[in-house]
Amino acid sequence: MADLALRFFKDMLVLSSPVTGTLRRQGVESARDQALTLLLEPETIEEAYRVEAVAGPQCFVLPTAMLAPARLAELGMGGRGGELARNALEAASPFRPQHILAEIGPCGLPLDSSSKASLVENRDQYARAARLFGDAQVDAIFLNGFASADDLKCALMGVRKACDLPVLASVDVTADGALASGRGTLAEAVDVMVEFGAAVAGFATLVAPTVATALAASVRDRLAAQGADLCMLVSLVVGERNPKQQGPTAENPYYTADTMMPAAAVLRDEGVQFLRAVGDATPAYTGVLAASVAGQDVRIDV
């Protein structure tokens, strides 16, 4: 695999959609059942990757969001993090992706930002998760699905304590730039990404392309104001798809895979380098994103 950092601010890159969406469509819905599938039937994950590989993303995202010890304990899989990490990597490796990203999601522990003990406890959750990839052939850690700046701060501190891999960080935001938890804003999260060493600043949102580009512009401007040299990532959330839907709605602007094409174009125009379709996205969505930006460089003149 090539060094991902060598491609920062160069060519456009697409991340694979979550394999959890494929599992849900197969009837494996709960987080515990999805983790069990990875643990006991990794060949099912490999088949999901096989379809994603045809779509052509440059970056495969491992389905390892649950690797913080508290999350594993909640799923009844305490102590099995190493097996889950290895199975995820082995499921993706046969397809020789250009880059492999190890996803780590929120640990789920309560966090009191005024308590040093609470901050340290949360930070160590992410450090322990990141250490599971210490000897693995992954290109970066992907901190994804965060809904508060304090949680993200602990995650970045923990990963930095454990390894020196590049970190892609992403928070879930609403149309007005508020974090999904209601505690804080996208701007505050970007400040945390800058201060605590993320290489890529990102967000995920279920909004129309025009709103997504406005959010991306706000991230770009925030980074520029601080003189921060971070790439940008945008994950577009696909709502529940309905075959009868004939046009974009607020509940699902991306009702067909073709809607990814104009979205990719306008996001690239705002300087976004990394693109991803999530939510109820199928590999077709990934394929359209990959085809839309194939051979193009990220815009750095905006």
C-alpha atoms as a PDB file:
ATOM      1  CA  MET A   1       0.000   0.000   0.000  1.00  0.00           C
ATOM      2  CA  ALA A   2       1.135   3.518  -0.782  1.00  0.00           C
ATOM      3  CA  ASP A   3       1.657   6.081   1.943  1.00  0.00           C
ATOM      4  CA  LEU A   4      -1.645   7.955   2.238  1.00  0.00           C
ATOM      5  CA  ALA A   5       0.077  11.113   3.475  1.00  0.00           C
ATOM      6  CA  LEU A   6       1.902  11.400   0.155  1.00  0.00           C
ATOM      7  CA  ARG A   7      -1.458  11.968  -1.541  1.00  0.00           C
ATOM      8  CA  PHE A   8      -2.724  14.753   0.704  1.00  0.00           C
ATOM      9  CA  PHE A   9      -3.781  17.802  -1.366  1.00  0.00           C
ATOM     10  CA  LYS A  10      -3.213  15.877  -4.587  1.00  0.00           C
ATOM     11  CA  ASP A  11      -5.691  13.467  -6.220  1.00  0.00           C
ATOM     12  CA  MET A  12      -9.312  13.051  -5.191  1.00  0.00           C
ATOM     13  CA  LEU A  13      -9.955   9.996  -3.030  1.00  0.00           C
ATOM     14  CA  VAL A  14     -13.151   8.045  -2.323  1.00  0.00           C
ATOM     15  CA  LEU A  15     -13.772   5.962   0.782  1.00  0.00           C
ATOM     16  CA  SER A  16     -15.752   2.727   0.696  1.00  0.00           C
ATOM     17  CA  SER A  17     -19.283   2.828   2.066  1.00  0.00           C
ATOM     18  CA  PRO A  18     -19.886   1.090   5.415  1.00  0.00           C
ATOM     19  CA  VAL A  19     -20.231  -2.673   5.049  1.00  0.00           C
ATOM     20  CA  THR A  20     -22.711  -2.443   7.913  1.00  0.00           C
ATOM     21  CA  GLY A  21     -25.229  -1.176   5.349  1.00  0.00           C
ATOM     22  CA  THR A  22     -24.765  -4.327   3.293  1.00  0.00           C
ATOM     23  CA  LEU A  23     -25.164  -6.439   6.419  1.00  0.00           C
ATOM     24  CA  ARG A  24     -28.399  -4.657   7.321  1.00  0.00           C
ATOM     25  CA  ARG A  25     -29.785  -5.379   3.881  1.00  0.00           C
ATOM     26  CA  GLN A  26     -28.984  -9.052   4.567  1.00  0.00           C
ATOM     27  CA  GLY A  27     -30.924  -8.935   7.847  1.00  0.00           C
ATOM     28  CA  VAL A  28     -27.920  -8.490  10.175  1.00  0.00           C
ATOM     29  CA  GLU A  29     -29.102  -5.320  11.857  1.00  0.00           C
ATOM     30  CA  SER A  30     -27.924  -4.944  15.455  1.00  0.00           C
ATOM     31  CA  ALA A  31     -24.418  -3.753  16.297  1.00  0.00           C
ATOM     32  CA  ARG A  32     -23.830  -6.934  18.287  1.00  0.00           C
ATOM     33  CA  ASP A  33     -24.884  -9.189  15.399  1.00  0.00           C
ATOM     34  CA  GLN A  34     -22.687  -7.236  13.002  1.00  0.00           C
ATOM     35  CA  ALA A  35     -19.715  -7.600  15.333  1.00  0.00           C
ATOM     36  CA  LEU A  36     -20.449 -11.313  15.711  1.00  0.00           C
ATOM     37  CA  THR A  37     -20.479 -11.639  11.939  1.00  0.00           C
ATOM     38  CA  LEU A  38     -17.031 -10.080  11.769  1.00  0.00           C
ATOM     39  CA  LEU A  39     -15.818 -12.348  14.562  1.00  0.00           C
ATOM     40  CA  LEU A  40     -17.364 -15.651  13.473  1.00  0.00           C
ATOM     41  CA  GLU A  41     -18.141 -15.265   9.755  1.00  0.00           C
ATOM     42  CA  PRO A  42     -15.497 -12.910   8.335  1.00  0.00           C
ATOM     43  CA  GLU A  43     -16.136 -14.394   4.896  1.00  0.00           C
ATOM     44  CA  THR A  44     -19.444 -12.480   4.924  1.00  0.00           C
ATOM     45  CA  ILE A  45     -17.506  -9.242   5.364  1.00  0.00           C
ATOM     46  CA  GLU A  46     -15.155 -10.310   2.569  1.00  0.00           C
ATOM     47  CA  GLU A  47     -18.113 -10.736   0.212  1.00  0.00           C
ATOM     48  CA  ALA A  48     -19.323  -7.242   1.073  1.00  0.00           C
ATOM     49  CA  TYR A  49     -15.877  -5.890   0.261  1.00  0.00           C
ATOM     50  CA  ARG A  50     -15.866  -7.785  -3.010  1.00  0.00           C
ATOM     51  CA  VAL A  51     -18.779  -5.682  -4.271  1.00  0.00           C
ATOM     52  CA  GLU A  52     -17.234  -2.481  -2.911  1.00  0.00           C
ATOM     53  CA  ALA A  53     -13.956  -3.289  -4.679  1.00  0.00           C
ATOM     54  CA  VAL A  54     -15.775  -3.340  -8.030  1.00  0.00           C
ATOM     55  CA  ALA A  55     -17.083   0.161  -7.259  1.00  0.00           C
ATOM     56  CA  GLY A  56     -13.504   1.433  -7.246  1.00  0.00           C
ATOM     57  CA  PRO A  57     -12.833   3.345  -4.003  1.00  0.00           C
ATOM     58  CA  GLN A  58      -9.193   4.090  -3.311  1.00  0.00           C
ATOM     59  CA  CYS A  59      -9.671   3.716   0.451  1.00  0.00           C
ATOM     60  CA  PHE A  60     -11.255   0.746   2.223  1.00  0.00           C
ATOM     61  CA  VAL A  61     -12.685   1.510   5.659  1.00  0.00           C
ATOM     62  CA  LEU A  62     -12.504  -1.374   8.118  1.00  0.00           C
ATOM     63  CA  PRO A  63     -15.742  -2.099  10.058  1.00  0.00           C
ATOM     64  CA  THR A  64     -14.018  -1.644  13.416  1.00  0.00           C
ATOM     65  CA  ALA A  65     -15.873   1.299  14.945  1.00  0.00           C
ATOM     66  CA  MET A  66     -16.639  -0.812  18.028  1.00  0.00           C
ATOM     67  CA  LEU A  67     -13.049  -1.448  19.138  1.00  0.00           C
ATOM     68  CA  ALA A  68     -12.944   0.811  22.189  1.00  0.00           C
ATOM     69  CA  PRO A  69     -12.973  -1.503  25.237  1.00  0.00           C
ATOM     70  CA  ALA A  70     -16.192  -0.006  26.628  1.00  0.00           C
ATOM     71  CA  ARG A  71     -17.991  -0.635  23.347  1.00  0.00           C
ATOM     72  CA  LEU A  72     -16.687  -4.205  23.199  1.00  0.00           C
ATOM     73  CA  ALA A  73     -17.880  -4.828  26.737  1.00  0.00           C
ATOM     74  CA  GLU A  74     -21.317  -3.463  25.846  1.00  0.00           C
ATOM     75  CA  LEU A  75     -21.458  -5.920  22.948  1.00  0.00           C
ATOM     76  CA  GLY A  76     -20.364  -8.805  25.165  1.00  0.00           C
ATOM     77  CA  MET A  77     -17.001  -9.066  23.387  1.00  0.00           C
ATOM     78  CA  GLY A  78     -14.551  -7.832  25.969  1.00  0.00           C
ATOM     79  CA  GLY A  79     -11.019  -8.893  25.115  1.00  0.00           C
ATOM     80  CA  ARG A  80     -11.877  -9.806  21.503  1.00  0.00           C
ATOM     81  CA  GLY A  81     -10.703  -6.566  19.932  1.00  0.00           C
ATOM     82  CA  GLY A  82      -7.528  -8.069  18.513  1.00  0.00           C
ATOM     83  CA  GLU A  83      -9.465 -10.815  16.726  1.00  0.00           C
ATOM     84  CA  LEU A  84     -11.947  -8.336  15.311  1.00  0.00           C
ATOM     85  CA  ALA A  85      -9.177  -6.079  14.022  1.00  0.00           C
ATOM     86  CA  ARG A  86      -7.332  -8.991  12.402  1.00  0.00           C
ATOM     87  CA  ASN A  87     -10.492 -10.396  10.808  1.00  0.00           C
ATOM     88  CA  ALA A  88     -11.410  -6.996   9.391  1.00  0.00           C
ATOM     89  CA  LEU A  89      -7.966  -6.544   7.885  1.00  0.00           C
ATOM     90  CA  GLU A  90      -7.897 -10.065   6.445  1.00  0.00           C
ATOM     91  CA  ALA A  91     -11.327  -9.544   4.866  1.00  0.00           C
ATOM     92  CA  ALA A  92     -10.133  -6.430   3.024  1.00  0.00           C
ATOM     93  CA  SER A  93      -6.605  -7.528   2.108  1.00  0.00           C
ATOM     94  CA  PRO A  94      -7.473  -9.898  -0.805  1.00  0.00           C
ATOM     95  CA  PHE A  95      -8.722  -6.937  -2.840  1.00  0.00           C
ATOM     96  CA  ARG A  96      -5.433  -5.052  -2.573  1.00  0.00           C
ATOM     97  CA  PRO A  97      -6.964  -1.661  -1.827  1.00  0.00           C
ATOM     98  CA  GLN A  98      -4.711   1.326  -2.352  1.00  0.00           C
ATOM     99  CA  HIS A  99      -5.286   2.364   1.258  1.00  0.00           C
ATOM    100  CA  ILE A 100      -6.852   0.801   4.344  1.00  0.00           C
ATOM    101  CA  LEU A 101      -8.334   2.996   7.074  1.00  0.00           C
ATOM    102  CA  ALA A 102      -9.027   1.617  10.549  1.00  0.00           C
ATOM    103  CA  GLU A 103     -12.274   3.104  11.824  1.00  0.00           C
ATOM    104  CA  ILE A 104     -12.676   3.861  15.533  1.00  0.00           C
ATOM    105  CA  GLY A 105     -15.967   5.276  16.776  1.00  0.00           C
ATOM    106  CA  PRO A 106     -17.053   6.924  20.039  1.00  0.00           C
ATOM    107  CA  CYS A 107     -16.361   4.761  23.094  1.00  0.00           C
ATOM    108  CA  GLY A 108     -19.741   5.525  24.656  1.00  0.00           C
ATOM    109  CA  LEU A 109     -18.493   6.277  28.168  1.00  0.00           C
ATOM    110  CA  PRO A 110     -19.925   9.292  30.011  1.00  0.00           C
ATOM    111  CA  LEU A 111     -17.535  12.221  29.814  1.00  0.00           C
ATOM    112  CA  ASP A 112     -17.141  15.018  32.327  1.00  0.00           C
ATOM    113  CA  SER A 113     -14.904  17.561  30.632  1.00  0.00           C
ATOM    114  CA  SER A 114     -14.168  19.218  34.000  1.00  0.00           C
ATOM    115  CA  SER A 115     -12.806  15.986  35.475  1.00  0.00           C
ATOM    116  CA  LYS A 116      -9.227  14.965  34.711  1.00  0.00           C
ATOM    117  CA  ALA A 117     -10.004  11.376  35.694  1.00  0.00           C
ATOM    118  CA  SER A 118     -12.911  11.235  33.255  1.00  0.00           C
ATOM    119  CA  LEU A 119     -10.838  12.726  30.453  1.00  0.00           C
ATOM    120  CA  VAL A 120      -7.987  10.271  31.055  1.00  0.00           C
ATOM    121  CA  GLU A 121     -10.376   7.316  31.206  1.00  0.00           C
ATOM    122  CA  ASN A 122     -11.933   8.281  27.889  1.00  0.00           C
ATOM    123  CA  ARG A 123      -8.589   9.040  26.260  1.00  0.00           C
ATOM    124  CA  ASP A 124      -7.246   5.627  27.213  1.00  0.00           C
ATOM    125  CA  GLN A 125     -10.218   3.920  25.577  1.00  0.00           C
ATOM    126  CA  TYR A 126      -9.076   5.260  22.201  1.00  0.00           C
ATOM    127  CA  ALA A 127      -5.416   4.590  22.860  1.00  0.00           C
ATOM    128  CA  ARG A 128      -6.194   0.929  23.567  1.00  0.00           C
ATOM    129  CA  ALA A 129      -8.283   0.681  20.396  1.00  0.00           C
ATOM    130  CA  ALA A 130      -5.568   2.292  18.253  1.00  0.00           C
ATOM    131  CA  ARG A 131      -2.893  -0.040  19.649  1.00  0.00           C
ATOM    132  CA  LEU A 132      -4.780  -2.975  18.137  1.00  0.00           C
ATOM    133  CA  PHE A 133      -3.480  -1.736  14.772  1.00  0.00           C
ATOM    134  CA  GLY A 134       0.089  -1.167  15.897  1.00  0.00           C
ATOM    135  CA  ASP A 135       1.559  -3.861  13.664  1.00  0.00           C
ATOM    136  CA  ALA A 136      -1.229  -3.982  11.076  1.00  0.00           C
ATOM    137  CA  GLN A 137      -0.887  -2.764   7.515  1.00  0.00           C
ATOM    138  CA  VAL A 138      -3.239   0.195   7.803  1.00  0.00           C
ATOM    139  CA  ASP A 139      -2.570   3.641   6.372  1.00  0.00           C
ATOM    140  CA  ALA A 140      -4.523   5.788   8.802  1.00  0.00           C
ATOM    141  CA  ILE A 141      -6.905   5.869  11.749  1.00  0.00           C
ATOM    142  CA  PHE A 142     -10.398   7.101  10.913  1.00  0.00           C
ATOM    143  CA  LEU A 143     -12.126   8.663  13.925  1.00  0.00           C
ATOM    144  CA  ASN A 144     -15.708   8.637  12.755  1.00  0.00           C
ATOM    145  CA  GLY A 145     -19.215   9.254  14.024  1.00  0.00           C
ATOM    146  CA  PHE A 146     -18.358  11.749  16.760  1.00  0.00           C
ATOM    147  CA  ALA A 147     -21.071  14.063  17.989  1.00  0.00           C
ATOM    148  CA  SER A 148     -19.260  16.247  20.518  1.00  0.00           C
ATOM    149  CA  ALA A 149     -15.990  18.136  20.486  1.00  0.00           C
ATOM    150  CA  ASP A 150     -14.985  16.830  23.927  1.00  0.00           C
ATOM    151  CA  ASP A 151     -15.335  13.207  22.829  1.00  0.00           C
ATOM    152  CA  LEU A 152     -13.342  13.949  19.712  1.00  0.00           C
ATOM    153  CA  LYS A 153     -10.624  15.645  21.761  1.00  0.00           C
ATOM    154  CA  CYS A 154     -10.227  12.532  23.918  1.00  0.00           C
ATOM    155  CA  ALA A 155     -10.132  10.339  20.816  1.00  0.00           C
ATOM    156  CA  LEU A 156      -7.425  12.402  19.134  1.00  0.00           C
ATOM    157  CA  MET A 157      -5.360  12.512  22.321  1.00  0.00           C
ATOM    158  CA  GLY A 158      -5.706   8.757  22.755  1.00  0.00           C
ATOM    159  CA  VAL A 159      -4.708   7.900  19.190  1.00  0.00           C
ATOM    160  CA  ARG A 160      -1.743  10.260  19.347  1.00  0.00           C
ATOM    161  CA  LYS A 161      -0.629   8.530  22.552  1.00  0.00           C
ATOM    162  CA  ALA A 162      -0.761   5.130  20.835  1.00  0.00           C
ATOM    163  CA  CYS A 163       0.581   5.628  17.310  1.00  0.00           C
ATOM    164  CA  ASP A 164       1.839   8.110  14.743  1.00  0.00           C
ATOM    165  CA  LEU A 165      -0.466   7.150  11.873  1.00  0.00           C
ATOM    166  CA  PRO A 166      -2.303   9.970  10.080  1.00  0.00           C
ATOM    167  CA  VAL A 167      -5.744  10.592  11.555  1.00  0.00           C
ATOM    168  CA  LEU A 168      -8.889  11.382   9.611  1.00  0.00           C
ATOM    169  CA  ALA A 169     -11.490  12.888  11.947  1.00  0.00           C
ATOM    170  CA  SER A 170     -15.195  13.270  11.226  1.00  0.00           C
ATOM    171  CA  VAL A 171     -18.135  14.605  13.201  1.00  0.00           C
ATOM    172  CA  ASP A 172     -21.856  14.264  12.537  1.00  0.00           C
ATOM    173  CA  VAL A 173     -23.505  17.627  11.869  1.00  0.00           C
ATOM    174  CA  THR A 174     -26.902  19.078  11.047  1.00  0.00           C
ATOM    175  CA  ALA A 175     -27.717  21.541   8.291  1.00  0.00           C
ATOM    176  CA  ASP A 176     -27.000  24.561  10.489  1.00  0.00           C
ATOM    177  CA  GLY A 177     -23.534  23.322  11.468  1.00  0.00           C
ATOM    178  CA  ALA A 178     -24.502  22.082  14.916  1.00  0.00           C
ATOM    179  CA  LEU A 179     -23.033  18.816  16.128  1.00  0.00           C
ATOM    180  CA  ALA A 180     -25.505  15.935  16.223  1.00  0.00           C
ATOM    181  CA  SER A 181     -25.453  15.843  20.025  1.00  0.00           C
ATOM    182  CA  GLY A 182     -26.556  19.467  20.191  1.00  0.00           C
ATOM    183  CA  ARG A 183     -23.435  20.201  22.225  1.00  0.00           C
ATOM    184  CA  GLY A 184     -21.177  22.389  20.149  1.00  0.00           C
ATOM    185  CA  THR A 185     -20.648  23.294  16.531  1.00  0.00           C
ATOM    186  CA  LEU A 186     -18.725  22.127  13.510  1.00  0.00           C
ATOM    187  CA  ALA A 187     -16.394  25.109  13.916  1.00  0.00           C
ATOM    188  CA  GLU A 188     -15.526  24.032  17.462  1.00  0.00           C
ATOM    189  CA  ALA A 189     -14.877  20.491  16.287  1.00  0.00           C
ATOM    190  CA  VAL A 190     -12.572  21.771  13.538  1.00  0.00           C
ATOM    191  CA  ASP A 191     -10.633  23.731  16.163  1.00  0.00           C
ATOM    192  CA  VAL A 192     -10.152  20.489  18.107  1.00  0.00           C
ATOM    193  CA  MET A 193      -9.001  18.675  14.963  1.00  0.00           C
ATOM    194  CA  VAL A 194      -6.392  21.365  14.360  1.00  0.00           C
ATOM    195  CA  GLU A 195      -5.174  21.559  17.956  1.00  0.00           C
ATOM    196  CA  PHE A 196      -4.887  17.821  18.518  1.00  0.00           C
ATOM    197  CA  GLY A 197      -3.203  16.704  15.356  1.00  0.00           C
ATOM    198  CA  ALA A 198      -5.753  15.452  12.832  1.00  0.00           C
ATOM    199  CA  ALA A 199      -4.506  15.340   9.247  1.00  0.00           C
ATOM    200  CA  VAL A 200      -7.973  15.434   7.702  1.00  0.00           C
ATOM    201  CA  ALA A 201     -10.966  17.439   8.944  1.00  0.00           C
ATOM    202  CA  GLY A 202     -14.327  15.975   8.036  1.00  0.00           C
ATOM    203  CA  PHE A 203     -18.021  15.809   8.700  1.00  0.00           C
ATOM    204  CA  ALA A 204     -20.994  13.600   7.847  1.00  0.00           C
ATOM    205  CA  THR A 205     -24.404  15.073   7.169  1.00  0.00           C
ATOM    206  CA  LEU A 206     -27.812  14.361   5.657  1.00  0.00           C
ATOM    207  CA  VAL A 207     -28.343  17.551   3.674  1.00  0.00           C
ATOM    208  CA  ALA A 208     -28.668  18.646   0.055  1.00  0.00           C
ATOM    209  CA  PRO A 209     -25.449  19.223  -1.919  1.00  0.00           C
ATOM    210  CA  THR A 210     -25.794  23.022  -1.719  1.00  0.00           C
ATOM    211  CA  VAL A 211     -25.919  22.857   2.087  1.00  0.00           C
ATOM    212  CA  ALA A 212     -23.089  20.348   2.241  1.00  0.00           C
ATOM    213  CA  THR A 213     -20.898  22.651   0.149  1.00  0.00           C
ATOM    214  CA  ALA A 214     -21.725  25.588   2.433  1.00  0.00           C
ATOM    215  CA  LEU A 215     -20.633  23.492   5.415  1.00  0.00           C
ATOM    216  CA  ALA A 216     -17.461  22.496   3.571  1.00  0.00           C
ATOM    217  CA  ALA A 217     -16.758  26.153   2.804  1.00  0.00           C
ATOM    218  CA  SER A 218     -17.121  26.984   6.494  1.00  0.00           C
ATOM    219  CA  VAL A 219     -14.572  24.290   7.349  1.00  0.00           C
ATOM    220  CA  ARG A 220     -12.197  25.566   4.667  1.00  0.00           C
ATOM    221  CA  ASP A 221     -12.497  29.127   5.947  1.00  0.00           C
ATOM    222  CA  ARG A 222     -11.988  28.026   9.563  1.00  0.00           C
ATOM    223  CA  LEU A 223      -8.839  26.145   8.624  1.00  0.00           C
ATOM    224  CA  ALA A 224      -7.532  29.076   6.591  1.00  0.00           C
ATOM    225  CA  ALA A 225      -8.149  31.508   9.446  1.00  0.00           C
ATOM    226  CA  GLN A 226      -5.942  29.367  11.669  1.00  0.00           C
ATOM    227  CA  GLY A 227      -3.303  28.740   9.032  1.00  0.00           C
ATOM    228  CA  ALA A 228      -3.987  25.011   9.395  1.00  0.00           C
ATOM    229  CA  ASP A 229      -2.863  22.638   6.659  1.00  0.00           C
ATOM    230  CA  LEU A 230      -5.575  19.959   6.869  1.00  0.00           C
ATOM    231  CA  CYS A 231      -7.309  18.145   4.033  1.00  0.00           C
ATOM    232  CA  MET A 232     -11.107  17.949   4.033  1.00  0.00           C
ATOM    233  CA  LEU A 233     -13.488  14.983   4.013  1.00  0.00           C
ATOM    234  CA  VAL A 234     -17.256  14.964   3.494  1.00  0.00           C
ATOM    235  CA  SER A 235     -19.506  11.956   4.051  1.00  0.00           C
ATOM    236  CA  LEU A 236     -22.958  12.302   2.497  1.00  0.00           C
ATOM    237  CA  VAL A 237     -25.638  10.432   4.412  1.00  0.00           C
ATOM    238  CA  VAL A 238     -28.107   8.525   2.245  1.00  0.00           C
ATOM    239  CA  GLY A 239     -31.499   8.315   3.920  1.00  0.00           C
ATOM    240  CA  GLU A 240     -33.798   5.321   3.769  1.00  0.00           C
ATOM    241  CA  ARG A 241     -34.250   4.610   0.081  1.00  0.00           C
ATOM    242  CA  ASN A 242     -37.700   4.195  -1.409  1.00  0.00           C
ATOM    243  CA  PRO A 243     -38.074   2.910  -4.994  1.00  0.00           C
ATOM    244  CA  LYS A 244     -41.134   5.138  -5.402  1.00  0.00           C
ATOM    245  CA  GLN A 245     -39.234   8.336  -4.591  1.00  0.00           C
ATOM    246  CA  GLN A 246     -39.068  10.467  -7.721  1.00  0.00           C
ATOM    247  CA  GLY A 247     -36.914  13.358  -6.562  1.00  0.00           C
ATOM    248  CA  PRO A 248     -34.776  14.680  -3.725  1.00  0.00           C
ATOM    249  CA  THR A 249     -36.409  15.392  -0.382  1.00  0.00           C
ATOM    250  CA  ALA A 250     -35.145  16.770   2.910  1.00  0.00           C
ATOM    251  CA  GLU A 251     -35.342  13.267   4.359  1.00  0.00           C
ATOM    252  CA  ASN A 252     -33.259  11.820   1.522  1.00  0.00           C
ATOM    253  CA  PRO A 253     -31.586  14.171  -0.971  1.00  0.00           C
ATOM    254  CA  TYR A 254     -29.634  11.207  -2.379  1.00  0.00           C
ATOM    255  CA  TYR A 255     -32.509   8.990  -3.440  1.00  0.00           C
ATOM    256  CA  THR A 256     -30.511   7.409  -6.297  1.00  0.00           C
ATOM    257  CA  ALA A 257     -26.815   6.784  -6.795  1.00  0.00           C
ATOM    258  CA  ASP A 258     -26.707   9.285  -9.697  1.00  0.00           C
ATOM    259  CA  THR A 259     -27.268  12.145  -7.234  1.00  0.00           C
ATOM    260  CA  MET A 260     -23.690  11.616  -6.046  1.00  0.00           C
ATOM    261  CA  MET A 261     -22.305  12.962  -9.331  1.00  0.00           C
ATOM    262  CA  PRO A 262     -23.298  16.642  -8.994  1.00  0.00           C
ATOM    263  CA  ALA A 263     -22.612  16.493  -5.263  1.00  0.00           C
ATOM    264  CA  ALA A 264     -19.057  15.297  -5.897  1.00  0.00           C
ATOM    265  CA  ALA A 265     -18.484  18.108  -8.397  1.00  0.00           C
ATOM    266  CA  VAL A 266     -19.561  20.941  -6.108  1.00  0.00           C
ATOM    267  CA  LEU A 267     -17.717  19.521  -3.104  1.00  0.00           C
ATOM    268  CA  ARG A 268     -14.518  19.242  -5.116  1.00  0.00           C
ATOM    269  CA  ASP A 269     -15.010  22.880  -6.096  1.00  0.00           C
ATOM    270  CA  GLU A 270     -14.893  23.752  -2.373  1.00  0.00           C
ATOM    271  CA  GLY A 271     -11.558  22.000  -1.922  1.00  0.00           C
ATOM    272  CA  VAL A 272     -12.832  18.711  -0.463  1.00  0.00           C
ATOM    273  CA  GLN A 273     -10.443  15.846  -1.219  1.00  0.00           C
ATOM    274  CA  PHE A 274     -12.038  12.809   0.476  1.00  0.00           C
ATOM    275  CA  LEU A 275     -15.614  11.747  -0.359  1.00  0.00           C
ATOM    276  CA  ARG A 276     -17.818   9.027   1.052  1.00  0.00           C
ATOM    277  CA  ALA A 277     -21.428   7.856   0.856  1.00  0.00           C
ATOM    278  CA  VAL A 278     -22.829   6.474   4.114  1.00  0.00           C
ATOM    279  CA  GLY A 279     -26.181   5.690   5.709  1.00  0.00           C
ATOM    280  CA  ASP A 280     -28.284   3.531   3.396  1.00  0.00           C
ATOM    281  CA  ALA A 281     -25.711   3.861   0.603  1.00  0.00           C
ATOM    282  CA  THR A 282     -25.028   0.864  -1.616  1.00  0.00           C
ATOM    283  CA  PRO A 283     -21.797   0.158  -3.530  1.00  0.00           C
ATOM    284  CA  ALA A 284     -23.418   1.892  -6.500  1.00  0.00           C
ATOM    285  CA  TYR A 285     -23.143   5.184  -4.634  1.00  0.00           C
ATOM    286  CA  THR A 286     -19.447   4.573  -4.069  1.00  0.00           C
ATOM    287  CA  GLY A 287     -19.065   3.730  -7.746  1.00  0.00           C
ATOM    288  CA  VAL A 288     -20.642   6.993  -8.883  1.00  0.00           C
ATOM    289  CA  LEU A 289     -18.430   9.000  -6.529  1.00  0.00           C
ATOM    290  CA  ALA A 290     -15.325   7.186  -7.771  1.00  0.00           C
ATOM    291  CA  ALA A 291     -16.276   7.673 -11.421  1.00  0.00           C
ATOM    292  CA  SER A 292     -17.153  11.330 -10.877  1.00  0.00           C
ATOM    293  CA  VAL A 293     -13.716  12.282  -9.578  1.00  0.00           C
ATOM    294  CA  ALA A 294     -11.554   9.730 -11.395  1.00  0.00           C
ATOM    295  CA  GLY A 295      -8.295  11.278 -12.557  1.00  0.00           C
ATOM    296  CA  GLN A 296      -9.047  14.643 -10.945  1.00  0.00           C
ATOM    297  CA  ASP A 297      -6.883  16.497  -8.463  1.00  0.00           C
ATOM    298  CA  VAL A 298      -8.230  18.240  -5.403  1.00  0.00           C
ATOM    299  CA  ARG A 299      -8.749  21.975  -5.896  1.00  0.00           C
ATOM    300  CA  ILE A 300      -6.325  23.990  -3.819  1.00  0.00           C
ATOM    301  CA  ASP A 301      -7.024  27.377  -5.430  1.00  0.00           C
ATOM    302  CA  VAL A 302     -10.273  28.058  -3.569  1.00  0.00           C
END
